[in-house]
């Protein structure tokens, strides 16, 4: 196995990680933006008011995106197993 093969495997792993995590981070960021604007408009600054909606949004995103994420992860694991068998000779 060459350095290029290892580099490609690591790049694929990192790209898959970014792809799978993106919906959860986007939900948290969008919720934080909305709550921040509402807190600035009402001048209410409470940590609970920013945490609870963000937590709920990430849980909702996890519920909605679970099948999509599992599909991508299963395909990656399949490709990895096939590649590992190819190394064995």
N, C-alpha and C. Protein backbone atom coordinates (compact mmCIF):
# COMPACT_ATOMS: atom_id res chain seq x y z
N UNK A 1 0.86 -1.17 0.00
CA UNK A 1 0.00 0.00 0.00
C UNK A 1 0.90 1.23 0.00
N UNK A 2 0.65 2.11 -0.94
CA UNK A 2 1.50 3.28 -1.09
C UNK A 2 0.97 4.45 -0.26
N UNK A 3 1.77 5.48 -0.20
CA UNK A 3 1.38 6.68 0.53
C UNK A 3 0.15 7.32 -0.12
N UNK A 4 0.08 7.26 -1.43
CA UNK A 4 -1.08 7.82 -2.13
C UNK A 4 -2.37 7.10 -1.79
N UNK A 5 -2.31 5.79 -1.65
CA UNK A 5 -3.49 5.01 -1.27
C UNK A 5 -3.96 5.38 0.13
N UNK A 6 -3.01 5.51 1.04
CA UNK A 6 -3.35 5.89 2.41
C UNK A 6 -3.93 7.30 2.44
N UNK A 7 -3.33 8.19 1.67
CA UNK A 7 -3.83 9.57 1.60
C UNK A 7 -5.25 9.61 1.05
N UNK A 8 -5.54 8.82 0.02
CA UNK A 8 -6.89 8.76 -0.54
C UNK A 8 -7.89 8.19 0.46
N UNK A 9 -7.47 7.18 1.21
CA UNK A 9 -8.36 6.58 2.21
C UNK A 9 -8.69 7.58 3.32
N UNK A 10 -7.69 8.32 3.78
CA UNK A 10 -7.91 9.31 4.83
C UNK A 10 -8.79 10.45 4.30
N UNK A 11 -8.53 10.88 3.07
CA UNK A 11 -9.35 11.95 2.48
C UNK A 11 -10.80 11.51 2.37
N UNK A 12 -11.03 10.28 1.93
CA UNK A 12 -12.40 9.78 1.83
C UNK A 12 -13.08 9.70 3.18
N UNK A 13 -12.35 9.29 4.20
CA UNK A 13 -12.91 9.19 5.54
C UNK A 13 -13.28 10.58 6.06
N UNK A 14 -12.41 11.56 5.87
CA UNK A 14 -12.69 12.91 6.35
C UNK A 14 -13.85 13.55 5.59
N UNK A 15 -13.92 13.31 4.28
CA UNK A 15 -15.02 13.86 3.49
C UNK A 15 -16.36 13.24 3.93
N UNK A 16 -16.36 11.95 4.20
CA UNK A 16 -17.59 11.30 4.67
C UNK A 16 -17.99 11.85 6.04
N UNK A 17 -17.02 12.08 6.91
CA UNK A 17 -17.32 12.64 8.23
C UNK A 17 -17.95 14.02 8.08
N UNK A 18 -17.38 14.85 7.24
CA UNK A 18 -17.96 16.18 7.02
C UNK A 18 -19.35 16.10 6.42
N UNK A 19 -19.55 15.17 5.50
CA UNK A 19 -20.85 15.01 4.86
C UNK A 19 -21.92 14.58 5.86
N UNK A 20 -21.57 13.64 6.73
CA UNK A 20 -22.55 13.11 7.68
C UNK A 20 -22.86 14.10 8.80
N UNK A 21 -21.88 14.89 9.21
CA UNK A 21 -22.06 15.82 10.33
C UNK A 21 -22.74 17.13 9.91
N UNK A 22 -22.70 17.45 8.63
CA UNK A 22 -23.21 18.73 8.15
C UNK A 22 -24.67 19.01 8.52
N UNK A 23 -25.60 18.08 8.38
CA UNK A 23 -26.99 18.43 8.75
C UNK A 23 -27.15 18.80 10.22
N UNK A 24 -26.41 18.14 11.09
CA UNK A 24 -26.52 18.41 12.52
C UNK A 24 -25.92 19.77 12.87
N UNK A 25 -24.78 20.07 12.28
CA UNK A 25 -24.16 21.37 12.52
C UNK A 25 -24.99 22.50 11.92
N UNK A 26 -25.57 22.27 10.75
CA UNK A 26 -26.41 23.29 10.12
C UNK A 26 -27.64 23.57 10.97
N UNK A 27 -28.25 22.53 11.52
CA UNK A 27 -29.42 22.73 12.39
C UNK A 27 -29.04 23.52 13.63
N UNK A 28 -27.91 23.20 14.23
CA UNK A 28 -27.46 23.92 15.42
C UNK A 28 -27.14 25.38 15.11
N UNK A 29 -26.48 25.62 13.98
CA UNK A 29 -26.11 26.98 13.62
C UNK A 29 -27.33 27.83 13.29
N UNK A 30 -28.27 27.27 12.53
CA UNK A 30 -29.47 28.02 12.17
C UNK A 30 -30.31 28.34 13.40
N UNK A 31 -30.45 27.37 14.29
CA UNK A 31 -31.21 27.59 15.51
C UNK A 31 -30.53 28.63 16.39
N UNK A 32 -29.20 28.57 16.49
CA UNK A 32 -28.47 29.56 17.28
C UNK A 32 -28.64 30.96 16.72
N UNK A 33 -28.64 31.08 15.39
CA UNK A 33 -28.84 32.38 14.77
C UNK A 33 -30.23 32.93 15.08
N UNK A 34 -31.24 32.10 14.94
CA UNK A 34 -32.61 32.54 15.20
C UNK A 34 -32.80 32.92 16.66
N UNK A 35 -32.30 32.09 17.57
CA UNK A 35 -32.43 32.38 19.00
C UNK A 35 -31.62 33.62 19.36
N UNK A 36 -30.45 33.78 18.77
CA UNK A 36 -29.64 34.97 19.05
C UNK A 36 -30.32 36.24 18.61
N UNK A 37 -30.96 36.22 17.44
CA UNK A 37 -31.70 37.41 16.97
C UNK A 37 -32.88 37.69 17.89
N UNK A 38 -33.58 36.65 18.30
CA UNK A 38 -34.72 36.85 19.21
C UNK A 38 -34.25 37.37 20.57
N UNK A 39 -33.13 36.87 21.08
CA UNK A 39 -32.61 37.35 22.35
C UNK A 39 -32.15 38.80 22.24
N UNK A 40 -31.55 39.16 21.11
CA UNK A 40 -31.12 40.54 20.93
C UNK A 40 -32.32 41.48 20.81
N UNK A 41 -33.37 41.00 20.17
CA UNK A 41 -34.55 41.84 20.00
C UNK A 41 -35.30 42.04 21.32
N UNK A 42 -35.33 41.01 22.15
CA UNK A 42 -36.07 41.09 23.41
C UNK A 42 -35.19 41.44 24.60
N UNK A 43 -33.89 41.46 24.38
CA UNK A 43 -32.90 41.76 25.44
C UNK A 43 -32.98 40.78 26.60
N UNK A 44 -33.33 39.55 26.29
CA UNK A 44 -33.34 38.48 27.28
C UNK A 44 -32.11 37.62 27.03
N UNK A 45 -31.21 37.57 27.99
CA UNK A 45 -30.00 36.78 27.84
C UNK A 45 -29.98 35.68 28.90
N UNK A 46 -30.37 34.51 28.51
CA UNK A 46 -30.38 33.37 29.41
C UNK A 46 -29.78 32.19 28.65
N UNK A 47 -28.85 31.48 29.29
CA UNK A 47 -28.18 30.36 28.62
C UNK A 47 -29.14 29.24 28.28
N UNK A 48 -30.15 29.03 29.12
CA UNK A 48 -31.11 27.97 28.87
C UNK A 48 -31.91 28.24 27.61
N UNK A 49 -32.20 29.50 27.36
CA UNK A 49 -32.99 29.85 26.18
C UNK A 49 -32.23 29.60 24.89
N UNK A 50 -30.91 29.53 24.95
CA UNK A 50 -30.16 29.23 23.73
C UNK A 50 -29.84 27.73 23.62
N UNK A 51 -29.74 27.05 24.75
CA UNK A 51 -29.36 25.64 24.73
C UNK A 51 -30.52 24.73 24.34
N UNK A 52 -31.66 24.93 24.94
CA UNK A 52 -32.79 24.01 24.75
C UNK A 52 -33.27 23.97 23.30
N UNK A 53 -33.48 25.10 22.62
CA UNK A 53 -33.91 25.01 21.22
C UNK A 53 -32.84 24.39 20.32
N UNK A 54 -31.58 24.68 20.60
CA UNK A 54 -30.50 24.10 19.80
C UNK A 54 -30.46 22.58 19.98
N UNK A 55 -30.61 22.13 21.21
CA UNK A 55 -30.63 20.71 21.50
C UNK A 55 -31.81 20.03 20.80
N UNK A 56 -32.98 20.66 20.84
CA UNK A 56 -34.16 20.11 20.19
C UNK A 56 -33.98 20.06 18.67
N UNK A 57 -33.36 21.09 18.11
CA UNK A 57 -33.15 21.12 16.65
C UNK A 57 -32.18 20.03 16.21
N UNK A 58 -31.14 19.80 16.99
CA UNK A 58 -30.19 18.74 16.64
C UNK A 58 -30.84 17.37 16.78
N UNK A 59 -31.66 17.19 17.79
CA UNK A 59 -32.38 15.91 17.93
C UNK A 59 -33.35 15.70 16.76
N UNK A 60 -34.03 16.76 16.34
CA UNK A 60 -34.92 16.65 15.19
C UNK A 60 -34.15 16.34 13.92
N UNK A 61 -33.00 16.98 13.75
CA UNK A 61 -32.16 16.70 12.58
C UNK A 61 -31.66 15.26 12.61
N UNK A 62 -31.30 14.76 13.79
CA UNK A 62 -30.86 13.38 13.91
C UNK A 62 -31.99 12.41 13.55
N UNK A 63 -33.19 12.74 13.97
CA UNK A 63 -34.34 11.89 13.65
C UNK A 63 -34.62 11.88 12.15
N UNK A 64 -34.54 13.06 11.52
CA UNK A 64 -34.87 13.17 10.11
C UNK A 64 -33.77 12.65 9.19
N UNK A 65 -32.52 12.75 9.62
CA UNK A 65 -31.39 12.40 8.75
C UNK A 65 -30.76 11.06 9.09
N UNK A 66 -31.35 10.31 9.99
CA UNK A 66 -30.71 9.07 10.42
C UNK A 66 -30.59 8.04 9.29
N UNK A 67 -31.63 7.88 8.50
CA UNK A 67 -31.57 6.89 7.41
C UNK A 67 -30.54 7.29 6.37
N UNK A 68 -30.49 8.57 6.05
CA UNK A 68 -29.52 9.08 5.08
C UNK A 68 -28.09 8.87 5.58
N UNK A 69 -27.84 9.19 6.85
CA UNK A 69 -26.50 9.04 7.41
C UNK A 69 -26.09 7.57 7.49
N UNK A 70 -27.00 6.72 7.91
CA UNK A 70 -26.69 5.29 8.01
C UNK A 70 -26.41 4.70 6.64
N UNK A 71 -27.13 5.14 5.62
CA UNK A 71 -26.88 4.66 4.26
C UNK A 71 -25.47 5.00 3.81
N UNK A 72 -25.06 6.25 4.05
CA UNK A 72 -23.71 6.66 3.66
C UNK A 72 -22.63 5.93 4.46
N UNK A 73 -22.87 5.75 5.75
CA UNK A 73 -21.89 5.04 6.57
C UNK A 73 -21.79 3.57 6.19
N UNK A 74 -22.92 2.95 5.89
CA UNK A 74 -22.89 1.53 5.49
C UNK A 74 -22.17 1.36 4.16
N UNK A 75 -22.38 2.27 3.22
CA UNK A 75 -21.68 2.20 1.94
C UNK A 75 -20.18 2.37 2.14
N UNK A 76 -19.80 3.27 3.04
CA UNK A 76 -18.37 3.47 3.31
C UNK A 76 -17.75 2.23 3.94
N UNK A 77 -18.45 1.61 4.87
CA UNK A 77 -17.94 0.40 5.52
C UNK A 77 -17.81 -0.73 4.50
N UNK A 78 -18.78 -0.85 3.60
CA UNK A 78 -18.69 -1.86 2.54
C UNK A 78 -17.46 -1.64 1.67
N UNK A 79 -17.26 -0.40 1.24
CA UNK A 79 -16.08 -0.09 0.42
C UNK A 79 -14.79 -0.37 1.18
N UNK A 80 -14.76 -0.08 2.46
CA UNK A 80 -13.57 -0.32 3.27
C UNK A 80 -13.27 -1.81 3.41
N UNK A 81 -14.30 -2.61 3.60
CA UNK A 81 -14.11 -4.05 3.73
C UNK A 81 -13.61 -4.64 2.41
N UNK A 82 -14.18 -4.19 1.31
CA UNK A 82 -13.73 -4.67 0.00
C UNK A 82 -12.28 -4.28 -0.23
N UNK A 83 -11.91 -3.06 0.14
CA UNK A 83 -10.52 -2.61 -0.02
C UNK A 83 -9.57 -3.40 0.89
N UNK A 84 -10.02 -3.72 2.09
CA UNK A 84 -9.17 -4.49 3.02
C UNK A 84 -8.98 -5.91 2.53
N UNK A 85 -10.02 -6.50 1.93
CA UNK A 85 -9.87 -7.85 1.37
C UNK A 85 -8.90 -7.84 0.20
N UNK A 86 -8.90 -6.76 -0.56
CA UNK A 86 -7.98 -6.63 -1.69
C UNK A 86 -6.54 -6.55 -1.25
N UNK A 87 -6.29 -6.06 -0.04
CA UNK A 87 -4.93 -5.97 0.48
C UNK A 87 -4.39 -7.33 0.86
N UNK A 88 -5.28 -8.23 1.28
CA UNK A 88 -4.87 -9.55 1.75
C UNK A 88 -4.27 -10.42 0.66
N UNK A 89 -4.59 -10.14 -0.54
CA UNK A 89 -3.95 -10.85 -1.63
C UNK A 89 -4.78 -11.92 -2.20
